[in-house]
C-alpha atoms as a PDB file:
ATOM      1  CA  MET A   1      71.193 168.721 107.633  1.00  0.00           C
ATOM      2  CA  ASN A   2      69.987 166.050 110.030  1.00  0.00           C
ATOM      3  CA  ASN A   3      69.276 168.688 112.678  1.00  0.00           C
ATOM      4  CA  LYS A   4      67.126 170.670 110.198  1.00  0.00           C
ATOM      5  CA  LEU A   5      65.237 167.540 109.223  1.00  0.00           C
ATOM      6  CA  LEU A   6      64.677 166.746 112.889  1.00  0.00           C
ATOM      7  CA  LEU A   7      63.339 170.241 113.522  1.00  0.00           C
ATOM      8  CA  VAL A   8      60.978 170.054 110.526  1.00  0.00           C
ATOM      9  CA  THR A   9      59.773 166.611 111.579  1.00  0.00           C
ATOM     10  CA  THR A  10      59.203 167.768 115.152  1.00  0.00           C
ATOM     11  CA  ALA A  11      57.332 170.873 114.002  1.00  0.00           C
ATOM     12  CA  ALA A  12      55.155 168.813 111.651  1.00  0.00           C
ATOM     13  CA  ALA A  13      54.371 166.350 114.407  1.00  0.00           C
ATOM     14  CA  ALA A  14      53.387 169.197 116.745  1.00  0.00           C
ATOM     15  CA  LEU A  15      51.168 170.728 114.054  1.00  0.00           C
ATOM     16  CA  LEU A  16      49.449 167.410 113.385  1.00  0.00           C
ATOM     17  CA  ALA A  17      48.963 166.888 117.094  1.00  0.00           C
ATOM     18  CA  GLY A  18      47.369 170.326 117.353  1.00  0.00           C
ATOM     19  CA  LEU A  19      45.076 169.599 114.412  1.00  0.00           C
ATOM     20  CA  ALA A  20      44.071 166.316 115.972  1.00  0.00           C
ATOM     21  CA  ILE A  21      43.008 168.128 119.122  1.00  0.00           C
ATOM     22  CA  VAL A  22      40.950 170.801 117.334  1.00  0.00           C
ATOM     23  CA  PRO A  23      38.304 168.500 115.798  1.00  0.00           C
ATOM     24  CA  SER A  24      37.849 166.742 119.125  1.00  0.00           C
ATOM     25  CA  THR A  25      37.331 170.073 120.916  1.00  0.00           C
ATOM     26  CA  ALA A  26      35.050 171.420 118.156  1.00  0.00           C
ATOM     27  CA  THR A  27      32.940 168.269 118.255  1.00  0.00           C
ATOM     28  CA  ALA A  28      32.458 168.598 121.988  1.00  0.00           C
ATOM     29  CA  GLN A  29      31.496 172.247 121.621  1.00  0.00           C
ATOM     30  CA  ASP A  30      29.101 171.437 118.771  1.00  0.00           C
ATOM     31  CA  LYS A  31      27.392 168.814 120.864  1.00  0.00           C
ATOM     32  CA  GLY A  32      26.998 171.290 123.689  1.00  0.00           C
ATOM     33  CA  GLY A  33      25.756 174.057 121.392  1.00  0.00           C
ATOM     34  CA  LYS A  34      23.150 171.828 119.756  1.00  0.00           C
ATOM     35  CA  LYS A  35      21.778 170.327 122.943  1.00  0.00           C
ATOM     36  CA  GLY A  36      18.236 169.178 122.311  1.00  0.00           C
ATOM     37  CA  GLY A  37      18.599 169.242 118.511  1.00  0.00           C
ATOM     38  CA  ILE A  38      17.238 171.779 116.044  1.00  0.00           C
ATOM     39  CA  GLN A  39      14.471 173.935 117.510  1.00  0.00           C
ATOM     40  CA  LEU A  40      11.569 174.155 115.046  1.00  0.00           C
ATOM     41  CA  PRO A  41       8.595 176.528 115.309  1.00  0.00           C
ATOM     42  CA  PRO A  42       5.185 174.981 116.049  1.00  0.00           C
ATOM     43  CA  MET A  43       3.061 173.372 113.365  1.00  0.00           C
ATOM     44  CA  ILE A  44      -0.393 174.843 112.773  1.00  0.00           C
ATOM     45  CA  HIS A  45      -3.148 172.235 112.814  1.00  0.00           C
ATOM     46  CA  ILE A  46      -5.533 172.763 109.879  1.00  0.00           C
ATOM     47  CA  THR A  47      -8.990 171.234 109.539  1.00  0.00           C
ATOM     48  CA  VAL A  48     -11.241 171.197 106.485  1.00  0.00           C
ATOM     49  CA  ALA A  49     -14.568 169.788 107.636  1.00  0.00           C
ATOM     50  CA  ASP A  50     -15.620 168.352 104.271  1.00  0.00           C
ATOM     51  CA  PHE A  51     -12.525 166.244 103.577  1.00  0.00           C
ATOM     52  CA  ALA A  52      -9.686 164.735 105.558  1.00  0.00           C
ATOM     53  CA  ASP A  53      -6.039 165.637 105.155  1.00  0.00           C
ATOM     54  CA  GLY A  54      -4.936 163.464 102.256  1.00  0.00           C
ATOM     55  CA  GLY A  55      -8.575 162.725 101.347  1.00  0.00           C
ATOM     56  CA  ARG A  56     -10.586 163.402  98.201  1.00  0.00           C
ATOM     57  CA  ILE A  57     -11.948 166.900  97.652  1.00  0.00           C
ATOM     58  CA  PRO A  58     -15.736 166.902  97.152  1.00  0.00           C
ATOM     59  CA  ALA A  59     -16.815 167.912  93.641  1.00  0.00           C
ATOM     60  CA  LYS A  60     -18.662 170.975  94.986  1.00  0.00           C
ATOM     61  CA  TYR A  61     -15.300 172.718  95.573  1.00  0.00           C
ATOM     62  CA  THR A  62     -13.912 171.897  92.116  1.00  0.00           C
ATOM     63  CA  CYS A  63     -14.533 172.786  88.482  1.00  0.00           C
ATOM     64  CA  ALA A  64     -16.872 169.791  88.352  1.00  0.00           C
ATOM     65  CA  ALA A  65     -19.385 172.093  90.054  1.00  0.00           C
ATOM     66  CA  GLY A  66     -18.702 174.938  87.624  1.00  0.00           C
ATOM     67  CA  PRO A  67     -16.273 177.844  87.299  1.00  0.00           C
ATOM     68  CA  THR A  68     -17.554 179.601  90.431  1.00  0.00           C
ATOM     69  CA  SER A  69     -17.248 176.710  92.898  1.00  0.00           C
ATOM     70  CA  PRO A  70     -16.859 177.953  96.503  1.00  0.00           C
ATOM     71  CA  SER A  71     -13.763 177.713  98.645  1.00  0.00           C
ATOM     72  CA  PRO A  72     -14.099 175.202 101.501  1.00  0.00           C
ATOM     73  CA  ALA A  73     -14.487 176.231 105.133  1.00  0.00           C
ATOM     74  CA  ILE A  74     -11.130 176.003 106.912  1.00  0.00           C
ATOM     75  CA  THR A  75     -10.239 176.225 110.604  1.00  0.00           C
ATOM     76  CA  TRP A  76      -6.898 176.144 112.383  1.00  0.00           C
ATOM     77  CA  THR A  77      -5.249 176.038 115.801  1.00  0.00           C
ATOM     78  CA  GLY A  78      -1.750 176.133 117.229  1.00  0.00           C
ATOM     79  CA  ALA A  79      -0.295 179.426 115.979  1.00  0.00           C
ATOM     80  CA  PRO A  80       1.956 181.279 118.451  1.00  0.00           C
ATOM     81  CA  ALA A  81       0.823 184.383 120.318  1.00  0.00           C
ATOM     82  CA  THR A  82       3.202 186.504 118.228  1.00  0.00           C
ATOM     83  CA  THR A  83       1.065 185.941 115.112  1.00  0.00           C
ATOM     84  CA  GLN A  84      -0.035 189.248 113.556  1.00  0.00           C
ATOM     85  CA  SER A  85      -1.465 187.915 110.289  1.00  0.00           C
ATOM     86  CA  TYR A  86      -1.883 184.801 108.168  1.00  0.00           C
ATOM     87  CA  VAL A  87      -1.341 183.967 104.519  1.00  0.00           C
ATOM     88  CA  LEU A  88      -3.161 181.029 102.945  1.00  0.00           C
ATOM     89  CA  ILE A  89      -1.887 179.595  99.659  1.00  0.00           C
ATOM     90  CA  LEU A  90      -3.572 176.813  97.683  1.00  0.00           C
ATOM     91  CA  HIS A  91      -1.511 175.390  94.842  1.00  0.00           C
ATOM     92  CA  ASP A  92      -1.206 172.293  92.677  1.00  0.00           C
ATOM     93  CA  PRO A  93       2.433 171.116  92.642  1.00  0.00           C
ATOM     94  CA  ASP A  94       1.885 168.254  90.191  1.00  0.00           C
ATOM     95  CA  PRO A  95       1.894 169.934  86.749  1.00  0.00           C
ATOM     96  CA  VAL A  96       5.103 170.973  85.004  1.00  0.00           C
ATOM     97  CA  LEU A  97       4.763 174.494  83.610  1.00  0.00           C
ATOM     98  CA  GLN A  98       7.183 175.570  80.885  1.00  0.00           C
ATOM     99  CA  GLY A  99       9.873 173.228  82.161  1.00  0.00           C
ATOM    100  CA  SER A 100      10.092 175.053  85.507  1.00  0.00           C
ATOM    101  CA  ALA A 101      11.339 173.264  88.619  1.00  0.00           C
ATOM    102  CA  THR A 102       9.711 175.795  90.958  1.00  0.00           C
ATOM    103  CA  ASN A 103       6.576 177.174  89.309  1.00  0.00           C
ATOM    104  CA  ASP A 104       3.217 175.407  89.660  1.00  0.00           C
ATOM    105  CA  VAL A 105      -0.504 176.174  89.507  1.00  0.00           C
ATOM    106  CA  LEU A 106      -1.647 178.824  91.981  1.00  0.00           C
ATOM    107  CA  HIS A 107      -5.332 178.292  92.789  1.00  0.00           C
ATOM    108  CA  TRP A 108      -5.712 180.739  95.658  1.00  0.00           C
ATOM    109  CA  ALA A 109      -3.683 183.108  97.797  1.00  0.00           C
ATOM    110  CA  ILE A 110      -5.167 185.333 100.473  1.00  0.00           C
ATOM    111  CA  MET A 111      -2.973 187.542 102.655  1.00  0.00           C
ATOM    112  CA  ASP A 112      -3.294 189.776 105.733  1.00  0.00           C
ATOM    113  CA  ILE A 113      -5.840 187.494 107.367  1.00  0.00           C
ATOM    114  CA  PRO A 114      -6.092 188.951 110.907  1.00  0.00           C
ATOM    115  CA  GLY A 115      -3.808 187.381 113.495  1.00  0.00           C
ATOM    116  CA  ASP A 116      -6.709 186.514 115.795  1.00  0.00           C
ATOM    117  CA  ALA A 117      -8.582 184.604 113.063  1.00  0.00           C
ATOM    118  CA  LYS A 118      -9.309 180.935 113.672  1.00  0.00           C
ATOM    119  CA  GLY A 119     -10.375 180.072 110.145  1.00  0.00           C
ATOM    120  CA  LEU A 120     -12.138 181.090 106.956  1.00  0.00           C
ATOM    121  CA  PRO A 121     -15.797 180.438 106.117  1.00  0.00           C
ATOM    122  CA  GLU A 122     -16.947 178.608 103.024  1.00  0.00           C
ATOM    123  CA  GLY A 123     -17.264 180.675  99.886  1.00  0.00           C
ATOM    124  CA  ILE A 124     -14.744 183.499 100.335  1.00  0.00           C
ATOM    125  CA  LYS A 125     -15.571 186.153  97.733  1.00  0.00           C
ATOM    126  CA  ASN A 126     -13.065 187.555  95.254  1.00  0.00           C
ATOM    127  CA  GLY A 127     -11.151 190.729  96.046  1.00  0.00           C
ATOM    128  CA  ASP A 128     -10.628 192.525  99.337  1.00  0.00           C
ATOM    129  CA  GLN A 129     -12.464 191.316 102.451  1.00  0.00           C
ATOM    130  CA  ALA A 130     -14.180 193.266 105.223  1.00  0.00           C
ATOM    131  CA  ASP A 131     -11.576 192.118 107.766  1.00  0.00           C
ATOM    132  CA  GLY A 132      -8.720 193.621 105.733  1.00  0.00           C
ATOM    133  CA  SER A 133      -7.519 190.423 104.092  1.00  0.00           C
ATOM    134  CA  LYS A 134      -6.855 190.471 100.354  1.00  0.00           C
ATOM    135  CA  ASN A 135      -7.025 187.886  97.600  1.00  0.00           C
ATOM    136  CA  ILE A 136      -4.208 188.182  95.081  1.00  0.00           C
ATOM    137  CA  PRO A 137      -4.425 186.980  91.454  1.00  0.00           C
ATOM    138  CA  ASN A 138      -4.472 183.223  90.905  1.00  0.00           C
ATOM    139  CA  ILE A 139      -3.168 181.563  87.733  1.00  0.00           C
ATOM    140  CA  THR A 140      -6.159 182.895  85.759  1.00  0.00           C
ATOM    141  CA  ARG A 141      -5.442 186.413  87.143  1.00  0.00           C
ATOM    142  CA  ALA A 142      -8.715 186.433  89.076  1.00  0.00           C
ATOM    143  CA  PRO A 143      -8.301 187.687  92.687  1.00  0.00           C
ATOM    144  CA  GLY A 144      -9.780 184.734  94.531  1.00  0.00           C
ATOM    145  CA  TYR A 145     -10.379 181.009  94.773  1.00  0.00           C
ATOM    146  CA  LEU A 146     -10.062 178.763  91.717  1.00  0.00           C
ATOM    147  CA  GLY A 147     -11.385 175.245  92.263  1.00  0.00           C
ATOM    148  CA  PRO A 148      -9.204 172.236  91.453  1.00  0.00           C
ATOM    149  CA  CYS A 149      -9.465 171.319  87.776  1.00  0.00           C
ATOM    150  CA  PRO A 150      -6.827 168.857  86.533  1.00  0.00           C
ATOM    151  CA  PRO A 151      -7.015 167.737  82.891  1.00  0.00           C
ATOM    152  CA  ALA A 152      -9.177 164.679  82.314  1.00  0.00           C
ATOM    153  CA  GLY A 153      -7.091 161.532  82.338  1.00  0.00           C
ATOM    154  CA  HIS A 154      -4.094 163.244  83.966  1.00  0.00           C
ATOM    155  CA  GLY A 155      -4.540 161.375  87.223  1.00  0.00           C
ATOM    156  CA  ASP A 156      -5.009 162.590  90.770  1.00  0.00           C
ATOM    157  CA  HIS A 157      -3.403 165.896  91.730  1.00  0.00           C
ATOM    158  CA  HIS A 158      -2.357 166.892  95.238  1.00  0.00           C
ATOM    159  CA  TYR A 159      -3.931 170.245  96.052  1.00  0.00           C
ATOM    160  CA  THR A 160      -1.841 171.718  98.817  1.00  0.00           C
ATOM    161  CA  PHE A 161      -3.124 174.259 101.342  1.00  0.00           C
ATOM    162  CA  GLU A 162      -0.268 176.066 103.089  1.00  0.00           C
ATOM    163  CA  LEU A 163      -1.108 178.349 106.001  1.00  0.00           C
ATOM    164  CA  PHE A 164       1.620 180.696 107.220  1.00  0.00           C
ATOM    165  CA  ALA A 165       1.478 182.600 110.508  1.00  0.00           C
ATOM    166  CA  LEU A 166       3.438 185.855 110.232  1.00  0.00           C
ATOM    167  CA  SER A 167       4.906 188.259 112.777  1.00  0.00           C
ATOM    168  CA  ALA A 168       3.571 191.263 110.811  1.00  0.00           C
ATOM    169  CA  LYS A 169       0.881 192.353 108.390  1.00  0.00           C
ATOM    170  CA  LEU A 170       2.219 192.682 104.866  1.00  0.00           C
ATOM    171  CA  GLY A 171       0.113 195.554 103.535  1.00  0.00           C
ATOM    172  CA  LEU A 172       0.858 194.650  99.931  1.00  0.00           C
ATOM    173  CA  PRO A 173      -1.384 195.775  97.054  1.00  0.00           C
ATOM    174  CA  ALA A 174      -4.082 193.416  95.792  1.00  0.00           C
ATOM    175  CA  ASP A 175      -2.287 192.903  92.463  1.00  0.00           C
ATOM    176  CA  THR A 176       0.805 191.468  94.184  1.00  0.00           C
ATOM    177  CA  SER A 177       2.283 188.436  92.436  1.00  0.00           C
ATOM    178  CA  ARG A 178       2.847 185.155  94.207  1.00  0.00           C
ATOM    179  CA  ALA A 179       6.621 185.616  93.906  1.00  0.00           C
ATOM    180  CA  ASP A 180       6.459 189.061  95.522  1.00  0.00           C
ATOM    181  CA  LEU A 181       4.150 187.739  98.234  1.00  0.00           C
ATOM    182  CA  LEU A 182       6.590 184.978  99.151  1.00  0.00           C
ATOM    183  CA  ALA A 183       9.517 187.403  99.106  1.00  0.00           C
ATOM    184  CA  ALA A 184       7.675 189.749 101.475  1.00  0.00           C
ATOM    185  CA  MET A 185       6.925 186.838 103.843  1.00  0.00           C
ATOM    186  CA  ASN A 186      10.581 185.872 104.216  1.00  0.00           C
ATOM    187  CA  GLY A 187      11.843 186.485 107.748  1.00  0.00           C
ATOM    188  CA  LYS A 188       8.310 186.898 109.119  1.00  0.00           C
ATOM    189  CA  VAL A 189       7.038 183.309 109.232  1.00  0.00           C
ATOM    190  CA  VAL A 190       6.572 182.114 112.833  1.00  0.00           C
ATOM    191  CA  ALA A 191       4.592 178.930 112.132  1.00  0.00           C
ATOM    192  CA  LYS A 192       3.141 176.927 109.261  1.00  0.00           C
ATOM    193  CA  GLY A 193       0.576 174.223 108.544  1.00  0.00           C
ATOM    194  CA  VAL A 194      -0.024 172.052 105.476  1.00  0.00           C
ATOM    195  CA  TYR A 195      -3.181 170.208 104.381  1.00  0.00           C
ATOM    196  CA  ILE A 196      -3.607 168.205 101.164  1.00  0.00           C
ATOM    197  CA  GLY A 197      -6.697 167.283  99.184  1.00  0.00           C
ATOM    198  CA  ILE A 198      -6.783 164.894  96.239  1.00  0.00           C
ATOM    199  CA  PHE A 199      -8.784 165.406  93.055  1.00  0.00           C
ATOM    200  CA  GLY A 200      -8.692 163.978  89.535  1.00  0.00           C
ATOM    201  CA  GLN A 201     -10.962 163.685  86.517  1.00  0.00           C
ATOM    202  CA  LYS A 202     -11.474 160.637  84.305  1.00  0.00           C
END
């Protein structure tokens, strides 16, 4: 009986010793495998000439100027050479819509912007563009830019421009939904930039 107990105790001690060695070895390997930390793709640098990142959006680009206010001129730099197309999305993440944790107000989404583009001019028209890029329906179902228009007294909203550089053109139809656009982008994003403008109405 004592011999069996001794054998069990010895085996357990050996097992524990082995387990003690494994984490130490794994930690060393992890440190070696993650040398330099997580490697992130480059950030795209976006510029909107008429307002700074985090600044107030001039009224001319909002519903304060009417329902057909123009989109602002946007330029960018820093995308990798592998970029084949861009997608630009403008959305307002502040409102809660139907209790959703993920849905917000889509003001503009334009896809298949050519990979050699360096920006967009002011006043992009609705629908398909001469360079092959396409506006998809915004929250009002119009295929183009919808100026910021928060409810009066609701406070400042943070209108977020997200520019994605992709490794391919998407070739989706012009009536593509935002959800389908994002799904099609998955696995193709090689870089991204974010720019925020503030706007509110008293």
